[in-house]
Amino acid sequence: MMGAGGMGQVHLASRADDHYRKQVAIKLILAGHESDEMLRHFRRERQALGALDHTNIARLLDGGTTAEGSPYLVKSRHAAGGKVKEGAAGGGP
């Protein structure tokens, strides 16, 4: 696991078929937190990320729903700009 917050967990993942190598971050809602409001918020976040295209923002690569009905999103592992806190403190690009 790469991290966790109030809404979900982010896991580091790699392609399973080895056609090419790529690491991604997969964000899932925490088990037991799938309220209607949380699901709406997560889907809005996924939609917003899909509309963004900037080198300092991790790009949305895919999204969907698990077999259990929980939404997920797959993002590029890294954004070029580093951590948000660094940028806010003047240490970013």
N, C-alpha and C. Protein backbone atom coordinates (compact mmCIF):
# COMPACT_ATOMS: atom_id res chain seq x y z
N MET A 1 0.85 -1.18 0.00
CA MET A 1 0.00 0.00 0.00
C MET A 1 0.89 1.24 0.00
N MET A 2 0.56 2.20 -0.85
CA MET A 2 1.31 3.45 -0.93
C MET A 2 0.82 4.48 0.07
N GLY A 3 -0.47 4.42 0.39
CA GLY A 3 -1.02 5.39 1.32
C GLY A 3 -2.50 5.17 1.55
N ALA A 4 -3.03 5.89 2.52
CA ALA A 4 -4.45 5.81 2.84
C ALA A 4 -4.91 7.16 3.35
N GLY A 5 -6.18 7.44 3.13
CA GLY A 5 -6.76 8.69 3.60
C GLY A 5 -8.16 8.45 4.10
N GLY A 6 -8.94 9.51 4.19
CA GLY A 6 -10.29 9.42 4.72
C GLY A 6 -11.23 8.63 3.84
N MET A 7 -10.94 8.56 2.53
CA MET A 7 -11.86 7.91 1.61
C MET A 7 -11.35 6.56 1.13
N GLY A 8 -10.06 6.41 0.96
CA GLY A 8 -9.60 5.17 0.35
C GLY A 8 -8.15 4.85 0.59
N GLN A 9 -7.73 3.80 -0.09
CA GLN A 9 -6.36 3.35 -0.06
C GLN A 9 -5.79 3.42 -1.46
N VAL A 10 -4.48 3.68 -1.54
CA VAL A 10 -3.80 3.71 -2.83
C VAL A 10 -2.74 2.61 -2.80
N HIS A 11 -2.78 1.76 -3.81
CA HIS A 11 -1.86 0.63 -3.91
C HIS A 11 -0.99 0.78 -5.15
N LEU A 12 0.26 0.39 -5.04
CA LEU A 12 1.17 0.33 -6.18
C LEU A 12 0.91 -0.98 -6.90
N ALA A 13 0.80 -0.92 -8.23
CA ALA A 13 0.52 -2.13 -9.00
C ALA A 13 1.36 -2.12 -10.28
N SER A 14 1.55 -3.29 -10.83
CA SER A 14 2.27 -3.47 -12.10
C SER A 14 1.43 -4.33 -13.02
N ARG A 15 1.68 -4.23 -14.31
CA ARG A 15 1.00 -5.09 -15.28
C ARG A 15 1.28 -6.55 -14.95
N ALA A 16 0.30 -7.39 -15.08
CA ALA A 16 0.45 -8.80 -14.75
C ALA A 16 0.89 -9.63 -15.96
N ASP A 17 0.70 -9.12 -17.17
CA ASP A 17 0.97 -9.94 -18.36
C ASP A 17 2.38 -9.77 -18.91
N ASP A 18 3.13 -8.81 -18.43
CA ASP A 18 4.53 -8.61 -18.83
C ASP A 18 4.71 -8.26 -20.31
N HIS A 19 3.65 -7.81 -21.01
CA HIS A 19 3.82 -7.33 -22.39
C HIS A 19 4.70 -6.10 -22.41
N TYR A 20 4.57 -5.28 -21.41
CA TYR A 20 5.48 -4.16 -21.16
C TYR A 20 5.41 -3.86 -19.68
N ARG A 21 6.39 -3.16 -19.20
CA ARG A 21 6.46 -2.89 -17.76
C ARG A 21 5.98 -1.48 -17.47
N LYS A 22 5.07 -1.36 -16.53
CA LYS A 22 4.56 -0.06 -16.12
C LYS A 22 4.00 -0.21 -14.71
N GLN A 23 4.37 0.73 -13.85
CA GLN A 23 3.79 0.77 -12.51
C GLN A 23 2.73 1.86 -12.48
N VAL A 24 1.66 1.59 -11.75
CA VAL A 24 0.55 2.53 -11.61
C VAL A 24 0.12 2.56 -10.16
N ALA A 25 -0.72 3.53 -9.85
CA ALA A 25 -1.34 3.63 -8.53
C ALA A 25 -2.83 3.34 -8.69
N ILE A 26 -3.36 2.44 -7.89
CA ILE A 26 -4.78 2.11 -7.93
C ILE A 26 -5.42 2.59 -6.64
N LYS A 27 -6.44 3.43 -6.77
CA LYS A 27 -7.15 3.97 -5.61
C LYS A 27 -8.49 3.26 -5.48
N LEU A 28 -8.74 2.75 -4.27
CA LEU A 28 -9.99 2.05 -3.96
C LEU A 28 -10.62 2.67 -2.72
N ILE A 29 -11.95 2.63 -2.65
CA ILE A 29 -12.63 3.09 -1.45
C ILE A 29 -12.38 2.05 -0.35
N LEU A 30 -12.15 2.53 0.87
CA LEU A 30 -11.94 1.64 2.01
C LEU A 30 -13.19 0.79 2.24
N ALA A 31 -12.96 -0.49 2.52
CA ALA A 31 -14.08 -1.40 2.82
C ALA A 31 -14.89 -0.85 3.99
N GLY A 32 -16.20 -0.84 3.84
CA GLY A 32 -17.08 -0.34 4.89
C GLY A 32 -17.39 1.15 4.77
N HIS A 33 -16.81 1.84 3.79
CA HIS A 33 -17.02 3.28 3.61
C HIS A 33 -17.78 3.59 2.32
N GLU A 34 -18.51 2.62 1.80
CA GLU A 34 -19.17 2.78 0.51
C GLU A 34 -20.56 3.40 0.63
N SER A 35 -20.70 4.50 1.35
CA SER A 35 -21.99 5.18 1.44
C SER A 35 -22.31 5.82 0.09
N ASP A 36 -23.58 6.15 -0.14
CA ASP A 36 -23.97 6.80 -1.39
C ASP A 36 -23.20 8.09 -1.60
N GLU A 37 -23.03 8.87 -0.53
CA GLU A 37 -22.30 10.13 -0.63
C GLU A 37 -20.83 9.89 -0.99
N MET A 38 -20.20 8.90 -0.37
CA MET A 38 -18.80 8.59 -0.65
C MET A 38 -18.63 8.12 -2.09
N LEU A 39 -19.55 7.29 -2.57
CA LEU A 39 -19.48 6.81 -3.95
C LEU A 39 -19.64 7.96 -4.94
N ARG A 40 -20.55 8.90 -4.66
CA ARG A 40 -20.71 10.07 -5.53
C ARG A 40 -19.44 10.91 -5.55
N HIS A 41 -18.85 11.13 -4.38
CA HIS A 41 -17.62 11.92 -4.28
C HIS A 41 -16.49 11.25 -5.07
N PHE A 42 -16.34 9.95 -4.91
CA PHE A 42 -15.28 9.22 -5.60
C PHE A 42 -15.47 9.30 -7.11
N ARG A 43 -16.68 9.15 -7.58
CA ARG A 43 -16.95 9.22 -9.02
C ARG A 43 -16.72 10.63 -9.56
N ARG A 44 -17.04 11.65 -8.77
CA ARG A 44 -16.74 13.04 -9.19
C ARG A 44 -15.23 13.25 -9.30
N GLU A 45 -14.49 12.71 -8.32
CA GLU A 45 -13.04 12.82 -8.36
C GLU A 45 -12.48 12.15 -9.61
N ARG A 46 -12.98 10.96 -9.91
CA ARG A 46 -12.52 10.23 -11.09
C ARG A 46 -12.83 11.01 -12.36
N GLN A 47 -14.01 11.61 -12.44
CA GLN A 47 -14.39 12.40 -13.61
C GLN A 47 -13.51 13.63 -13.75
N ALA A 48 -13.23 14.31 -12.63
CA ALA A 48 -12.38 15.50 -12.66
C ALA A 48 -10.96 15.15 -13.09
N LEU A 49 -10.41 14.06 -12.56
CA LEU A 49 -9.06 13.65 -12.96
C LEU A 49 -8.99 13.33 -14.44
N GLY A 50 -10.05 12.75 -14.98
CA GLY A 50 -10.09 12.43 -16.40
C GLY A 50 -10.04 13.65 -17.28
N ALA A 51 -10.46 14.78 -16.77
CA ALA A 51 -10.47 16.02 -17.55
C ALA A 51 -9.16 16.80 -17.45
N LEU A 52 -8.29 16.42 -16.52
CA LEU A 52 -7.05 17.15 -16.30
C LEU A 52 -5.91 16.57 -17.13
N ASP A 53 -5.05 17.46 -17.63
CA ASP A 53 -3.88 17.03 -18.38
C ASP A 53 -2.75 18.01 -18.10
N HIS A 54 -1.92 17.69 -17.11
CA HIS A 54 -0.84 18.59 -16.69
C HIS A 54 0.31 17.74 -16.17
N THR A 55 1.54 18.15 -16.43
CA THR A 55 2.70 17.36 -16.02
C THR A 55 2.82 17.22 -14.51
N ASN A 56 2.23 18.11 -13.73
CA ASN A 56 2.34 18.06 -12.28
C ASN A 56 1.16 17.33 -11.62
N ILE A 57 0.31 16.71 -12.42
CA ILE A 57 -0.83 15.96 -11.90
C ILE A 57 -0.77 14.55 -12.46
N ALA A 58 -0.85 13.55 -11.59
CA ALA A 58 -0.85 12.16 -12.04
C ALA A 58 -2.04 11.96 -12.98
N ARG A 59 -1.79 11.35 -14.12
CA ARG A 59 -2.80 11.19 -15.15
C ARG A 59 -3.70 9.99 -14.86
N LEU A 60 -5.01 10.16 -15.08
CA LEU A 60 -5.96 9.06 -14.95
C LEU A 60 -5.80 8.15 -16.15
N LEU A 61 -5.54 6.87 -15.92
CA LEU A 61 -5.34 5.91 -16.99
C LEU A 61 -6.57 5.03 -17.22
N ASP A 62 -7.32 4.76 -16.15
CA ASP A 62 -8.47 3.87 -16.25
C ASP A 62 -9.33 4.05 -15.01
N GLY A 63 -10.50 3.55 -15.05
CA GLY A 63 -11.40 3.58 -13.91
C GLY A 63 -12.54 2.64 -14.17
N GLY A 64 -13.18 2.21 -13.12
CA GLY A 64 -14.29 1.29 -13.29
C GLY A 64 -14.87 0.89 -11.96
N THR A 65 -15.45 -0.30 -11.95
CA THR A 65 -16.08 -0.82 -10.75
C THR A 65 -15.63 -2.27 -10.55
N THR A 66 -15.28 -2.61 -9.33
CA THR A 66 -14.87 -3.98 -9.03
C THR A 66 -16.07 -4.92 -9.13
N ALA A 67 -15.81 -6.21 -9.08
CA ALA A 67 -16.89 -7.21 -9.10
C ALA A 67 -17.81 -7.05 -7.90
N GLU A 68 -17.27 -6.48 -6.81
CA GLU A 68 -18.08 -6.25 -5.60
C GLU A 68 -18.87 -4.94 -5.66
N GLY A 69 -18.67 -4.14 -6.73
CA GLY A 69 -19.43 -2.91 -6.89
C GLY A 69 -18.74 -1.65 -6.40
N SER A 70 -17.49 -1.73 -5.96
CA SER A 70 -16.76 -0.54 -5.49
C SER A 70 -16.01 0.11 -6.65
N PRO A 71 -16.11 1.42 -6.78
CA PRO A 71 -15.38 2.08 -7.85
C PRO A 71 -13.88 2.12 -7.57
N TYR A 72 -13.10 2.20 -8.62
CA TYR A 72 -11.66 2.35 -8.49
C TYR A 72 -11.16 3.27 -9.59
N LEU A 73 -9.96 3.78 -9.42
CA LEU A 73 -9.31 4.53 -10.47
C LEU A 73 -7.85 4.13 -10.53
N VAL A 74 -7.30 4.17 -11.73
CA VAL A 74 -5.91 3.82 -11.97
C VAL A 74 -5.22 5.06 -12.50
N LYS A 75 -4.16 5.49 -11.81
CA LYS A 75 -3.43 6.70 -12.19
C LYS A 75 -1.98 6.35 -12.48
N SER A 76 -1.35 7.23 -13.29
CA SER A 76 0.08 7.10 -13.46
C SER A 76 0.72 7.21 -12.09
N ARG A 77 1.80 6.51 -11.88
CA ARG A 77 2.38 6.42 -10.54
C ARG A 77 2.88 7.77 -10.03
N HIS A 78 3.50 8.54 -10.89
CA HIS A 78 4.11 9.79 -10.45
C HIS A 78 3.69 10.96 -11.32
N ALA A 79 3.58 12.10 -10.69
CA ALA A 79 3.48 13.36 -11.42
C ALA A 79 4.87 13.97 -11.39
N ALA A 80 5.19 14.81 -12.35
CA ALA A 80 6.53 15.37 -12.48
C ALA A 80 6.89 16.32 -11.36
N GLY A 81 5.91 16.91 -10.69
CA GLY A 81 6.19 18.01 -9.78
C GLY A 81 6.53 17.67 -8.35
N GLY A 82 6.50 16.42 -7.94
CA GLY A 82 6.83 16.10 -6.56
C GLY A 82 5.61 16.19 -5.67
N LYS A 83 5.84 16.31 -4.38
CA LYS A 83 4.76 16.32 -3.40
C LYS A 83 4.07 17.68 -3.34
N VAL A 84 2.77 17.64 -3.07
CA VAL A 84 1.98 18.87 -2.99
C VAL A 84 2.53 19.80 -1.91
N LYS A 85 2.89 19.25 -0.75
CA LYS A 85 3.40 20.07 0.34
C LYS A 85 4.66 20.82 -0.06
N GLU A 86 5.54 20.17 -0.85
CA GLU A 86 6.75 20.84 -1.30
C GLU A 86 6.43 22.03 -2.20
N GLY A 87 5.49 21.82 -3.11
CA GLY A 87 5.11 22.91 -4.00
C GLY A 87 4.46 24.06 -3.25
N ALA A 88 3.63 23.74 -2.27
CA ALA A 88 2.96 24.76 -1.48
C ALA A 88 3.95 25.54 -0.65
N ALA A 89 5.04 24.89 -0.27
CA ALA A 89 6.07 25.56 0.57
C ALA A 89 7.11 26.28 -0.27
N GLY A 90 6.91 26.27 -1.59
CA GLY A 90 7.86 26.95 -2.47
C GLY A 90 8.99 26.07 -2.94
N GLY A 91 8.94 24.77 -2.65
CA GLY A 91 10.00 23.88 -3.06
C GLY A 91 9.72 23.16 -4.35
N GLY A 92 8.56 23.39 -4.96
CA GLY A 92 8.19 22.71 -6.20
C GLY A 92 8.60 23.51 -7.41
N PRO A 93 8.23 23.01 -8.61
CA PRO A 93 8.61 23.69 -9.85
C PRO A 93 7.96 25.05 -10.01
